[in-house]
Amino acid sequence: MKKDTRQVMDALVLVFQFGINMIVPIFLCCLLGFWIGNKTGISWMMIPFFFIGALAGFTNIYKMARKVYDRDNKDRKHVKKD
């Protein structure tokens, strides 16, 4: 595979991972909030759980982006400039 094609594929996988890392916590927290709301009779319980899920998703994305950034900087330091 060409180097350019490999970079494009890596970028697409990274974008997909960002999406999954954001959507899954929001979905699970909304589902949990809906279930708790139905059990307790508090219909608006999904709203705070949505924000909790969004916060968890942003935290996941931040951690993943930080790892990618640190790895890229580490790789660039090891490359010799001729």
PDB file of N, CA and C in Angstrom:
ATOM      1  N   MET A   1       0.842  -1.174   0.000  1.00  0.00           N
ATOM      2  CA  MET A   1       0.000   0.000   0.000  1.00  0.00           C
ATOM      3  C   MET A   1       0.888   1.238   0.000  1.00  0.00           C
ATOM      4  N   LYS A   2       0.490   2.228  -0.754  1.00  0.00           N
ATOM      5  CA  LYS A   2       1.261   3.463  -0.808  1.00  0.00           C
ATOM      6  C   LYS A   2       1.224   4.187   0.525  1.00  0.00           C
ATOM      7  N   LYS A   3       2.226   5.019   0.732  1.00  0.00           N
ATOM      8  CA  LYS A   3       2.315   5.774   1.984  1.00  0.00           C
ATOM      9  C   LYS A   3       1.136   6.744   2.127  1.00  0.00           C
ATOM     10  N   ASP A   4       0.737   7.401   1.026  1.00  0.00           N
ATOM     11  CA  ASP A   4      -0.384   8.341   1.081  1.00  0.00           C
ATOM     12  C   ASP A   4      -1.686   7.620   1.418  1.00  0.00           C
ATOM     13  N   THR A   5      -1.896   6.459   0.809  1.00  0.00           N
ATOM     14  CA  THR A   5      -3.109   5.693   1.074  1.00  0.00           C
ATOM     15  C   THR A   5      -3.144   5.239   2.527  1.00  0.00           C
ATOM     16  N   ARG A   6      -1.998   4.851   3.036  1.00  0.00           N
ATOM     17  CA  ARG A   6      -1.904   4.426   4.433  1.00  0.00           C
ATOM     18  C   ARG A   6      -2.247   5.581   5.379  1.00  0.00           C
ATOM     19  N   GLN A   7      -1.775   6.778   5.073  1.00  0.00           N
ATOM     20  CA  GLN A   7      -2.071   7.941   5.909  1.00  0.00           C
ATOM     21  C   GLN A   7      -3.557   8.280   5.876  1.00  0.00           C
ATOM     22  N   VAL A   8      -4.166   8.153   4.705  1.00  0.00           N
ATOM     23  CA  VAL A   8      -5.601   8.428   4.586  1.00  0.00           C
ATOM     24  C   VAL A   8      -6.392   7.410   5.400  1.00  0.00           C
ATOM     25  N   MET A   9      -6.016   6.145   5.305  1.00  0.00           N
ATOM     26  CA  MET A   9      -6.708   5.105   6.064  1.00  0.00           C
ATOM     27  C   MET A   9      -6.538   5.316   7.573  1.00  0.00           C
ATOM     28  N   ASP A  10      -5.340   5.687   7.996  1.00  0.00           N
ATOM     29  CA  ASP A  10      -5.112   5.962   9.411  1.00  0.00           C
ATOM     30  C   ASP A  10      -5.971   7.135   9.890  1.00  0.00           C
ATOM     31  N   ALA A  11      -6.095   8.154   9.067  1.00  0.00           N
ATOM     32  CA  ALA A  11      -6.920   9.320   9.426  1.00  0.00           C
ATOM     33  C   ALA A  11      -8.401   8.934   9.518  1.00  0.00           C
ATOM     34  N   LEU A  12      -8.871   8.111   8.587  1.00  0.00           N
ATOM     35  CA  LEU A  12     -10.270   7.680   8.629  1.00  0.00           C
ATOM     36  C   LEU A  12     -10.554   6.829   9.857  1.00  0.00           C
ATOM     37  N   VAL A  13      -9.624   5.949  10.207  1.00  0.00           N
ATOM     38  CA  VAL A  13      -9.793   5.127  11.406  1.00  0.00           C
ATOM     39  C   VAL A  13      -9.817   6.014  12.646  1.00  0.00           C
ATOM     40  N   LEU A  14      -8.970   7.019  12.680  1.00  0.00           N
ATOM     41  CA  LEU A  14      -8.930   7.935  13.818  1.00  0.00           C
ATOM     42  C   LEU A  14     -10.242   8.706  13.959  1.00  0.00           C
ATOM     43  N   VAL A  15     -10.787   9.164  12.843  1.00  0.00           N
ATOM     44  CA  VAL A  15     -12.071   9.876  12.871  1.00  0.00           C
ATOM     45  C   VAL A  15     -13.185   8.938  13.347  1.00  0.00           C
ATOM     46  N   PHE A  16     -13.169   7.706  12.876  1.00  0.00           N
ATOM     47  CA  PHE A  16     -14.160   6.720  13.299  1.00  0.00           C
ATOM     48  C   PHE A  16     -14.043   6.456  14.802  1.00  0.00           C
ATOM     49  N   GLN A  17     -12.824   6.334  15.303  1.00  0.00           N
ATOM     50  CA  GLN A  17     -12.617   6.121  16.738  1.00  0.00           C
ATOM     51  C   GLN A  17     -13.114   7.306  17.558  1.00  0.00           C
ATOM     52  N   PHE A  18     -12.871   8.525  17.070  1.00  0.00           N
ATOM     53  CA  PHE A  18     -13.391   9.707  17.770  1.00  0.00           C
ATOM     54  C   PHE A  18     -14.914   9.654  17.854  1.00  0.00           C
ATOM     55  N   GLY A  19     -15.555   9.303  16.749  1.00  0.00           N
ATOM     56  CA  GLY A  19     -17.015   9.220  16.737  1.00  0.00           C
ATOM     57  C   GLY A  19     -17.545   8.181  17.697  1.00  0.00           C
ATOM     58  N   ILE A  20     -16.948   7.004  17.677  1.00  0.00           N
ATOM     59  CA  ILE A  20     -17.377   5.933  18.583  1.00  0.00           C
ATOM     60  C   ILE A  20     -17.147   6.328  20.032  1.00  0.00           C
ATOM     61  N   ASN A  21     -15.991   6.938  20.313  1.00  0.00           N
ATOM     62  CA  ASN A  21     -15.689   7.354  21.685  1.00  0.00           C
ATOM     63  C   ASN A  21     -16.636   8.431  22.190  1.00  0.00           C
ATOM     64  N   MET A  22     -17.285   9.156  21.304  1.00  0.00           N
ATOM     65  CA  MET A  22     -18.228  10.187  21.721  1.00  0.00           C
ATOM     66  C   MET A  22     -19.657   9.650  21.801  1.00  0.00           C
ATOM     67  N   ILE A  23     -20.046   8.854  20.825  1.00  0.00           N
ATOM     68  CA  ILE A  23     -21.439   8.404  20.729  1.00  0.00           C
ATOM     69  C   ILE A  23     -21.795   7.354  21.778  1.00  0.00           C
ATOM     70  N   VAL A  24     -20.903   6.409  22.033  1.00  0.00           N
ATOM     71  CA  VAL A  24     -21.223   5.300  22.938  1.00  0.00           C
ATOM     72  C   VAL A  24     -21.544   5.779  24.360  1.00  0.00           C
ATOM     73  N   PRO A  25     -20.714   6.626  24.982  1.00  0.00           N
ATOM     74  CA  PRO A  25     -21.077   7.060  26.348  1.00  0.00           C
ATOM     75  C   PRO A  25     -22.382   7.866  26.383  1.00  0.00           C
ATOM     76  N   ILE A  26     -22.618   8.677  25.372  1.00  0.00           N
ATOM     77  CA  ILE A  26     -23.867   9.450  25.336  1.00  0.00           C
ATOM     78  C   ILE A  26     -25.058   8.508  25.227  1.00  0.00           C
ATOM     79  N   PHE A  27     -24.966   7.541  24.315  1.00  0.00           N
ATOM     80  CA  PHE A  27     -26.060   6.599  24.127  1.00  0.00           C
ATOM     81  C   PHE A  27     -26.327   5.792  25.397  1.00  0.00           C
ATOM     82  N   LEU A  28     -25.265   5.261  26.003  1.00  0.00           N
ATOM     83  CA  LEU A  28     -25.441   4.446  27.202  1.00  0.00           C
ATOM     84  C   LEU A  28     -25.996   5.257  28.373  1.00  0.00           C
ATOM     85  N   CYS A  29     -25.510   6.469  28.545  1.00  0.00           N
ATOM     86  CA  CYS A  29     -26.022   7.308  29.640  1.00  0.00           C
ATOM     87  C   CYS A  29     -27.469   7.734  29.396  1.00  0.00           C
ATOM     88  N   CYS A  30     -27.814   8.027  28.155  1.00  0.00           N
ATOM     89  CA  CYS A  30     -29.208   8.361  27.854  1.00  0.00           C
ATOM     90  C   CYS A  30     -30.124   7.169  28.103  1.00  0.00           C
ATOM     91  N   LEU A  31     -29.662   5.999  27.717  1.00  0.00           N
ATOM     92  CA  LEU A  31     -30.433   4.778  27.959  1.00  0.00           C
ATOM     93  C   LEU A  31     -30.607   4.544  29.457  1.00  0.00           C
ATOM     94  N   LEU A  32     -29.546   4.725  30.216  1.00  0.00           N
ATOM     95  CA  LEU A  32     -29.618   4.573  31.665  1.00  0.00           C
ATOM     96  C   LEU A  32     -30.548   5.624  32.283  1.00  0.00           C
ATOM     97  N   GLY A  33     -30.450   6.859  31.821  1.00  0.00           N
ATOM     98  CA  GLY A  33     -31.328   7.911  32.329  1.00  0.00           C
ATOM     99  C   GLY A  33     -32.786   7.655  32.012  1.00  0.00           C
ATOM    100  N   PHE A  34     -33.049   7.134  30.821  1.00  0.00           N
ATOM    101  CA  PHE A  34     -34.423   6.796  30.430  1.00  0.00           C
ATOM    102  C   PHE A  34     -34.957   5.674  31.311  1.00  0.00           C
ATOM    103  N   TRP A  35     -34.121   4.653  31.558  1.00  0.00           N
ATOM    104  CA  TRP A  35     -34.536   3.520  32.382  1.00  0.00           C
ATOM    105  C   TRP A  35     -34.796   3.965  33.823  1.00  0.00           C
ATOM    106  N   ILE A  36     -33.889   4.767  34.377  1.00  0.00           N
ATOM    107  CA  ILE A  36     -34.075   5.264  35.741  1.00  0.00           C
ATOM    108  C   ILE A  36     -35.305   6.158  35.821  1.00  0.00           C
ATOM    109  N   GLY A  37     -35.502   6.972  34.788  1.00  0.00           N
ATOM    110  CA  GLY A  37     -36.679   7.834  34.761  1.00  0.00           C
ATOM    111  C   GLY A  37     -37.976   7.049  34.748  1.00  0.00           C
ATOM    112  N   ASN A  38     -38.013   5.968  34.006  1.00  0.00           N
ATOM    113  CA  ASN A  38     -39.217   5.124  33.978  1.00  0.00           C
ATOM    114  C   ASN A  38     -39.430   4.409  35.307  1.00  0.00           C
ATOM    115  N   LYS A  39     -38.364   3.984  35.954  1.00  0.00           N
ATOM    116  CA  LYS A  39     -38.488   3.277  37.237  1.00  0.00           C
ATOM    117  C   LYS A  39     -38.918   4.200  38.363  1.00  0.00           C
ATOM    118  N   THR A  40     -38.430   5.442  38.341  1.00  0.00           N
ATOM    119  CA  THR A  40     -38.722   6.371  39.439  1.00  0.00           C
ATOM    120  C   THR A  40     -39.895   7.297  39.147  1.00  0.00           C
ATOM    121  N   GLY A  41     -40.308   7.378  37.905  1.00  0.00           N
ATOM    122  CA  GLY A  41     -41.390   8.287  37.544  1.00  0.00           C
ATOM    123  C   GLY A  41     -40.915   9.704  37.260  1.00  0.00           C
ATOM    124  N   ILE A  42     -39.610   9.917  37.207  1.00  0.00           N
ATOM    125  CA  ILE A  42     -39.047  11.233  36.908  1.00  0.00           C
ATOM    126  C   ILE A  42     -38.704  11.243  35.419  1.00  0.00           C
ATOM    127  N   SER A  43     -39.552  11.862  34.619  1.00  0.00           N
ATOM    128  CA  SER A  43     -39.422  11.760  33.165  1.00  0.00           C
ATOM    129  C   SER A  43     -38.227  12.541  32.605  1.00  0.00           C
ATOM    130  N   TRP A  44     -37.741  13.528  33.308  1.00  0.00           N
ATOM    131  CA  TRP A  44     -36.649  14.364  32.800  1.00  0.00           C
ATOM    132  C   TRP A  44     -35.265  13.829  33.197  1.00  0.00           C
ATOM    133  N   MET A  45     -35.198  12.646  33.764  1.00  0.00           N
ATOM    134  CA  MET A  45     -33.939  12.092  34.264  1.00  0.00           C
ATOM    135  C   MET A  45     -32.915  11.866  33.142  1.00  0.00           C
ATOM    136  N   MET A  46     -33.371  11.726  31.914  1.00  0.00           N
ATOM    137  CA  MET A  46     -32.452  11.491  30.806  1.00  0.00           C
ATOM    138  C   MET A  46     -31.584  12.716  30.516  1.00  0.00           C
ATOM    139  N   ILE A  47     -32.061  13.897  30.801  1.00  0.00           N
ATOM    140  CA  ILE A  47     -31.331  15.128  30.481  1.00  0.00           C
ATOM    141  C   ILE A  47     -29.995  15.223  31.222  1.00  0.00           C
ATOM    142  N   PRO A  48     -29.963  15.060  32.551  1.00  0.00           N
ATOM    143  CA  PRO A  48     -28.643  15.121  33.201  1.00  0.00           C
ATOM    144  C   PRO A  48     -27.725  13.971  32.785  1.00  0.00           C
ATOM    145  N   PHE A  49     -28.316  12.803  32.518  1.00  0.00           N
ATOM    146  CA  PHE A  49     -27.489  11.686  32.082  1.00  0.00           C
ATOM    147  C   PHE A  49     -26.920  11.918  30.687  1.00  0.00           C
ATOM    148  N   PHE A  50     -27.636  12.656  29.844  1.00  0.00           N
ATOM    149  CA  PHE A  50     -27.085  13.022  28.538  1.00  0.00           C
ATOM    150  C   PHE A  50     -25.818  13.855  28.717  1.00  0.00           C
ATOM    151  N   PHE A  51     -25.864  14.838  29.609  1.00  0.00           N
ATOM    152  CA  PHE A  51     -24.696  15.685  29.839  1.00  0.00           C
ATOM    153  C   PHE A  51     -23.556  14.913  30.497  1.00  0.00           C
ATOM    154  N   ILE A  52     -23.881  13.964  31.361  1.00  0.00           N
ATOM    155  CA  ILE A  52     -22.847  13.110  31.948  1.00  0.00           C
ATOM    156  C   ILE A  52     -22.177  12.282  30.849  1.00  0.00           C
ATOM    157  N   GLY A  53     -22.978  11.745  29.925  1.00  0.00           N
ATOM    158  CA  GLY A  53     -22.436  10.979  28.807  1.00  0.00           C
ATOM    159  C   GLY A  53     -21.584  11.841  27.886  1.00  0.00           C
ATOM    160  N   ALA A  54     -22.026  13.068  27.639  1.00  0.00           N
ATOM    161  CA  ALA A  54     -21.243  13.975  26.797  1.00  0.00           C
ATOM    162  C   ALA A  54     -19.911  14.305  27.457  1.00  0.00           C
ATOM    163  N   LEU A  55     -19.923  14.523  28.756  1.00  0.00           N
ATOM    164  CA  LEU A  55     -18.690  14.795  29.484  1.00  0.00           C
ATOM    165  C   LEU A  55     -17.749  13.590  29.426  1.00  0.00           C
ATOM    166  N   ALA A  56     -18.304  12.399  29.588  1.00  0.00           N
ATOM    167  CA  ALA A  56     -17.488  11.179  29.497  1.00  0.00           C
ATOM    168  C   ALA A  56     -16.923  11.019  28.085  1.00  0.00           C
ATOM    169  N   GLY A  57     -17.731  11.332  27.065  1.00  0.00           N
ATOM    170  CA  GLY A  57     -17.257  11.247  25.688  1.00  0.00           C
ATOM    171  C   GLY A  57     -16.140  12.229  25.403  1.00  0.00           C
ATOM    172  N   PHE A  58     -16.286  13.468  25.852  1.00  0.00           N
ATOM    173  CA  PHE A  58     -15.227  14.462  25.661  1.00  0.00           C
ATOM    174  C   PHE A  58     -13.945  14.043  26.389  1.00  0.00           C
ATOM    175  N   THR A  59     -14.100  13.441  27.564  1.00  0.00           N
ATOM    176  CA  THR A  59     -12.929  12.964  28.301  1.00  0.00           C
ATOM    177  C   THR A  59     -12.225  11.855  27.523  1.00  0.00           C
ATOM    178  N   ASN A  60     -13.005  10.929  26.969  1.00  0.00           N
ATOM    179  CA  ASN A  60     -12.415   9.853  26.160  1.00  0.00           C
ATOM    180  C   ASN A  60     -11.676  10.408  24.952  1.00  0.00           C
ATOM    181  N   ILE A  61     -12.286  11.359  24.283  1.00  0.00           N
ATOM    182  CA  ILE A  61     -11.669  11.947  23.091  1.00  0.00           C
ATOM    183  C   ILE A  61     -10.393  12.703  23.466  1.00  0.00           C
ATOM    184  N   TYR A  62     -10.432  13.430  24.568  1.00  0.00           N
ATOM    185  CA  TYR A  62      -9.247  14.167  25.006  1.00  0.00           C
ATOM    186  C   TYR A  62      -8.088  13.214  25.288  1.00  0.00           C
ATOM    187  N   LYS A  63      -8.383  12.129  26.026  1.00  0.00           N
ATOM    188  CA  LYS A  63      -7.331  11.163  26.345  1.00  0.00           C
ATOM    189  C   LYS A  63      -6.769  10.519  25.085  1.00  0.00           C
ATOM    190  N   MET A  64      -7.642  10.158  24.146  1.00  0.00           N
ATOM    191  CA  MET A  64      -7.178   9.521  22.923  1.00  0.00           C
ATOM    192  C   MET A  64      -6.370  10.497  22.070  1.00  0.00           C
ATOM    193  N   ALA A  65      -6.831  11.729  21.954  1.00  0.00           N
ATOM    194  CA  ALA A  65      -6.110  12.732  21.168  1.00  0.00           C
ATOM    195  C   ALA A  65      -4.756  13.032  21.797  1.00  0.00           C
ATOM    196  N   ARG A  66      -4.702  13.045  23.104  1.00  0.00           N
ATOM    197  CA  ARG A  66      -3.441  13.290  23.790  1.00  0.00           C
ATOM    198  C   ARG A  66      -2.428  12.181  23.505  1.00  0.00           C
ATOM    199  N   LYS A  67      -2.893  10.927  23.515  1.00  0.00           N
ATOM    200  CA  LYS A  67      -2.011   9.803  23.201  1.00  0.00           C
ATOM    201  C   LYS A  67      -1.498   9.882  21.772  1.00  0.00           C
ATOM    202  N   VAL A  68      -2.395  10.217  20.832  1.00  0.00           N
ATOM    203  CA  VAL A  68      -1.998  10.321  19.426  1.00  0.00           C
ATOM    204  C   VAL A  68      -0.998  11.454  19.252  1.00  0.00           C
ATOM    205  N   TYR A  69      -1.249  12.578  19.891  1.00  0.00           N
ATOM    206  CA  TYR A  69      -0.349  13.730  19.790  1.00  0.00           C
ATOM    207  C   TYR A  69       1.018  13.407  20.372  1.00  0.00           C
ATOM    208  N   ASP A  70       1.039  12.773  21.535  1.00  0.00           N
ATOM    209  CA  ASP A  70       2.315  12.410  22.160  1.00  0.00           C
ATOM    210  C   ASP A  70       3.077  11.395  21.317  1.00  0.00           C
ATOM    211  N   ARG A  71       2.361  10.429  20.737  1.00  0.00           N
ATOM    212  CA  ARG A  71       3.007   9.428  19.893  1.00  0.00           C
ATOM    213  C   ARG A  71       3.595  10.072  18.641  1.00  0.00           C
ATOM    214  N   ASP A  72       2.869  10.996  18.029  1.00  0.00           N
ATOM    215  CA  ASP A  72       3.377  11.675  16.837  1.00  0.00           C
ATOM    216  C   ASP A  72       4.602  12.515  17.154  1.00  0.00           C
ATOM    217  N   ASN A  73       4.587  13.214  18.273  1.00  0.00           N
ATOM    218  CA  ASN A  73       5.752  14.010  18.666  1.00  0.00           C
ATOM    219  C   ASN A  73       6.953  13.121  18.958  1.00  0.00           C
ATOM    220  N   LYS A  74       6.725  11.980  19.580  1.00  0.00           N
ATOM    221  CA  LYS A  74       7.808  11.043  19.870  1.00  0.00           C
ATOM    222  C   LYS A  74       8.396  10.501  18.565  1.00  0.00           C
ATOM    223  N   ASP A  75       7.534  10.165  17.599  1.00  0.00           N
ATOM    224  CA  ASP A  75       8.000   9.663  16.306  1.00  0.00           C
ATOM    225  C   ASP A  75       8.801  10.714  15.551  1.00  0.00           C
ATOM    226  N   ARG A  76       8.396  11.970  15.640  1.00  0.00           N
ATOM    227  CA  ARG A  76       9.094  13.042  14.934  1.00  0.00           C
ATOM    228  C   ARG A  76      10.470  13.317  15.528  1.00  0.00           C
ATOM    229  N   LYS A  77      10.604  13.108  16.829  1.00  0.00           N
ATOM    230  CA  LYS A  77      11.908  13.338  17.473  1.00  0.00           C
ATOM    231  C   LYS A  77      12.929  12.295  17.043  1.00  0.00           C
ATOM    232  N   HIS A  78      12.446  11.082  16.738  1.00  0.00           N
ATOM    233  CA  HIS A  78      13.346  10.001  16.361  1.00  0.00           C
ATOM    234  C   HIS A  78      13.751  10.039  14.892  1.00  0.00           C
ATOM    235  N   VAL A  79      13.070  10.844  14.096  1.00  0.00           N
ATOM    236  CA  VAL A  79      13.388  10.939  12.672  1.00  0.00           C
ATOM    237  C   VAL A  79      14.569  11.885  12.504  1.00  0.00           C
ATOM    238  N   LYS A  80      15.623  11.385  11.841  1.00  0.00           N
ATOM    239  CA  LYS A  80      16.781  12.235  11.594  1.00  0.00           C
ATOM    240  C   LYS A  80      16.522  13.168  10.433  1.00  0.00           C
ATOM    241  N   LYS A  81      16.998  14.369  10.570  1.00  0.00           N
ATOM    242  CA  LYS A  81      16.894  15.326   9.469  1.00  0.00           C
ATOM    243  C   LYS A  81      18.231  15.355   8.750  1.00  0.00           C
ATOM    244  N   ASP A  82      18.183  15.114   7.451  1.00  0.00           N
ATOM    245  CA  ASP A  82      19.429  15.106   6.650  1.00  0.00           C
ATOM    246  C   ASP A  82      19.669  16.434   6.005  1.00  0.00           C
TER     247      ASP A  82
END
